[in-house]
C-alpha atoms as a PDB file:
ATOM      1  CA  MET A   1       0.000   0.000   0.000  1.00  0.00           C
ATOM      2  CA  GLY A   2       2.914   2.323   0.562  1.00  0.00           C
ATOM      3  CA  GLU A   3       3.725   2.263  -3.161  1.00  0.00           C
ATOM      4  CA  PHE A   4       0.280   3.620  -4.085  1.00  0.00           C
ATOM      5  CA  PHE A   5       1.016   7.027  -2.557  1.00  0.00           C
ATOM      6  CA  THR A   6       4.333   7.573  -4.288  1.00  0.00           C
ATOM      7  CA  PRO A   7       4.806  10.751  -6.342  1.00  0.00           C
ATOM      8  CA  GLY A   8       3.873  10.326 -10.006  1.00  0.00           C
ATOM      9  CA  ASN A   9       1.465   7.409  -9.453  1.00  0.00           C
ATOM     10  CA  GLN A  10      -1.276   7.864 -12.061  1.00  0.00           C
ATOM     11  CA  ALA A  11      -3.674   5.527 -10.246  1.00  0.00           C
ATOM     12  CA  LEU A  12      -3.744   7.944  -7.324  1.00  0.00           C
ATOM     13  CA  GLY A  13      -4.777  10.811  -9.611  1.00  0.00           C
ATOM     14  CA  VAL A  14      -7.499   8.722 -11.237  1.00  0.00           C
ATOM     15  CA  THR A  15      -8.794   7.631  -7.833  1.00  0.00           C
ATOM     16  CA  ILE A  16      -8.980  11.229  -6.610  1.00  0.00           C
ATOM     17  CA  ALA A  17     -10.718  12.325  -9.832  1.00  0.00           C
ATOM     18  CA  VAL A  18     -13.291   9.521  -9.612  1.00  0.00           C
ATOM     19  CA  GLY A  19     -13.900  10.298  -5.940  1.00  0.00           C
ATOM     20  CA  PHE A  20     -14.399  13.970  -6.765  1.00  0.00           C
ATOM     21  CA  ILE A  21     -16.914  13.094  -9.493  1.00  0.00           C
ATOM     22  CA  VAL A  22     -18.796  10.795  -7.107  1.00  0.00           C
ATOM     23  CA  VAL A  23     -18.976  13.512  -4.453  1.00  0.00           C
ATOM     24  CA  LEU A  24     -20.206  16.093  -6.977  1.00  0.00           C
ATOM     25  CA  THR A  25     -22.815  13.627  -8.248  1.00  0.00           C
ATOM     26  CA  LEU A  26     -24.079  12.991  -4.715  1.00  0.00           C
ATOM     27  CA  ILE A  27     -24.297  16.716  -3.969  1.00  0.00           C
ATOM     28  CA  GLY A  28     -26.098  17.348  -7.271  1.00  0.00           C
ATOM     29  CA  GLY A  29     -28.536  14.516  -6.604  1.00  0.00           C
ATOM     30  CA  ALA A  30     -29.310  15.854  -3.132  1.00  0.00           C
ATOM     31  CA  LEU A  31     -29.930  19.352  -4.528  1.00  0.00           C
ATOM     32  CA  TRP A  32     -32.112  18.004  -7.321  1.00  0.00           C
ATOM     33  CA  PHE A  33     -34.179  15.923  -4.880  1.00  0.00           C
ATOM     34  CA  THR A  34     -34.593  18.913  -2.547  1.00  0.00           C
ATOM     35  CA  LEU A  35     -35.668  21.246  -5.366  1.00  0.00           C
ATOM     36  CA  ILE A  36     -38.178  18.747  -6.773  1.00  0.00           C
ATOM     37  CA  LYS A  37     -39.647  18.194  -3.306  1.00  0.00           C
ATOM     38  CA  ALA A  38     -39.893  21.949  -2.668  1.00  0.00           C
ATOM     39  CA  ARG A  39     -41.531  22.478  -6.043  1.00  0.00           C
ATOM     40  CA  LYS A  40     -44.183  19.836  -5.333  1.00  0.00           C
ATOM     41  CA  ASN A  41     -44.905  21.374  -1.936  1.00  0.00           C
ATOM     42  CA  ALA A  42     -45.266  24.828  -3.479  1.00  0.00           C
ATOM     43  CA  ALA A  43     -47.632  23.506  -6.140  1.00  0.00           C
ATOM     44  CA  SER A  44     -49.807  21.762  -3.574  1.00  0.00           C
ATOM     45  CA  THR A  45     -50.332  24.977  -1.584  1.00  0.00           C
ATOM     46  CA  GLU A  46     -51.590  27.008  -4.551  1.00  0.00           C
ATOM     47  CA  PRO A  47     -55.394  27.240  -4.685  1.00  0.00           C
ATOM     48  CA  HIS A  48     -57.089  25.340  -7.484  1.00  0.00           C
ATOM     49  CA  GLU A  49     -59.023  27.070 -10.226  1.00  0.00           C
ATOM     50  CA  SER A  50     -62.286  25.634  -8.866  1.00  0.00           C
ATOM     51  CA  ASP A  51     -61.565  27.265  -5.478  1.00  0.00           C
ATOM     52  CA  HIS A  52     -61.388  30.637  -7.234  1.00  0.00           C
ATOM     53  CA  ALA A  53     -64.653  29.917  -9.035  1.00  0.00           C
ATOM     54  CA  ILE A  54     -66.409  28.977  -5.799  1.00  0.00           C
ATOM     55  CA  GLU A  55     -65.129  32.121  -4.093  1.00  0.00           C
ATOM     56  CA  SER A  56     -66.318  34.245  -7.024  1.00  0.00           C
ATOM     57  CA  LEU A  57     -69.714  32.550  -6.890  1.00  0.00           C
ATOM     58  CA  ARG A  58     -69.949  33.194  -3.160  1.00  0.00           C
ATOM     59  CA  GLN A  59     -69.122  36.880  -3.685  1.00  0.00           C
ATOM     60  CA  ARG A  60     -71.869  37.170  -6.315  1.00  0.00           C
ATOM     61  CA  TYR A  61     -74.371  35.645  -3.897  1.00  0.00           C
ATOM     62  CA  VAL A  62     -73.289  37.950  -1.057  1.00  0.00           C
ATOM     63  CA  ARG A  63     -73.681  41.009  -3.314  1.00  0.00           C
ATOM     64  CA  GLY A  64     -77.196  39.853  -4.251  1.00  0.00           C
ATOM     65  CA  GLU A  65     -76.422  39.278  -7.940  1.00  0.00           C
ATOM     66  CA  ILE A  66     -77.808  35.722  -7.843  1.00  0.00           C
ATOM     67  CA  SER A  67     -80.540  34.001  -5.826  1.00  0.00           C
ATOM     68  CA  LYS A  68     -80.044  31.245  -3.271  1.00  0.00           C
ATOM     69  CA  GLU A  69     -81.351  28.672  -5.770  1.00  0.00           C
ATOM     70  CA  GLN A  70     -78.944  29.865  -8.464  1.00  0.00           C
ATOM     71  CA  TYR A  71     -76.091  29.822  -5.961  1.00  0.00           C
ATOM     72  CA  ASP A  72     -76.890  26.266  -4.831  1.00  0.00           C
ATOM     73  CA  GLU A  73     -77.238  24.990  -8.403  1.00  0.00           C
ATOM     74  CA  GLN A  74     -74.015  26.589  -9.620  1.00  0.00           C
ATOM     75  CA  LEU A  75     -72.146  25.446  -6.519  1.00  0.00           C
ATOM     76  CA  ARG A  76     -73.338  21.871  -7.111  1.00  0.00           C
ATOM     77  CA  LEU A  77     -72.194  22.053 -10.739  1.00  0.00           C
ATOM     78  CA  LEU A  78     -68.778  23.403  -9.740  1.00  0.00           C
ATOM     79  CA  LYS A  79     -68.257  20.662  -7.170  1.00  0.00           C
ATOM     80  CA  GLU A  80     -69.287  17.955  -9.647  1.00  0.00           C
ATOM     81  CA  SER A  81     -66.929  19.171 -12.376  1.00  0.00           C
ATOM     82  CA  PRO A  82     -63.589  17.305 -12.591  1.00  0.00           C
ATOM     83  CA  LYS A  83     -60.681  19.015 -10.858  1.00  0.00           C
ATOM     84  CA  ASN A  84     -57.737  20.232 -12.949  1.00  0.00           C
END
């Protein structure tokens, strides 16, 4: 083993280079995983389009623009529609 660490040993340089590449790959993989996870969490906290529609419908009802029957019918239709 003492001969491996002698000056001018090319195997030592290759070993260090491979180790460096492995370390960089591990760091890159950890960053990639963290960013993907953060992106999914951010996407899950954004309100859905149907939530905006329901809120808009509720505001119209509160302002008296639509009747209770219209509100109930449109709310039922919004809740039955497939989510995006």
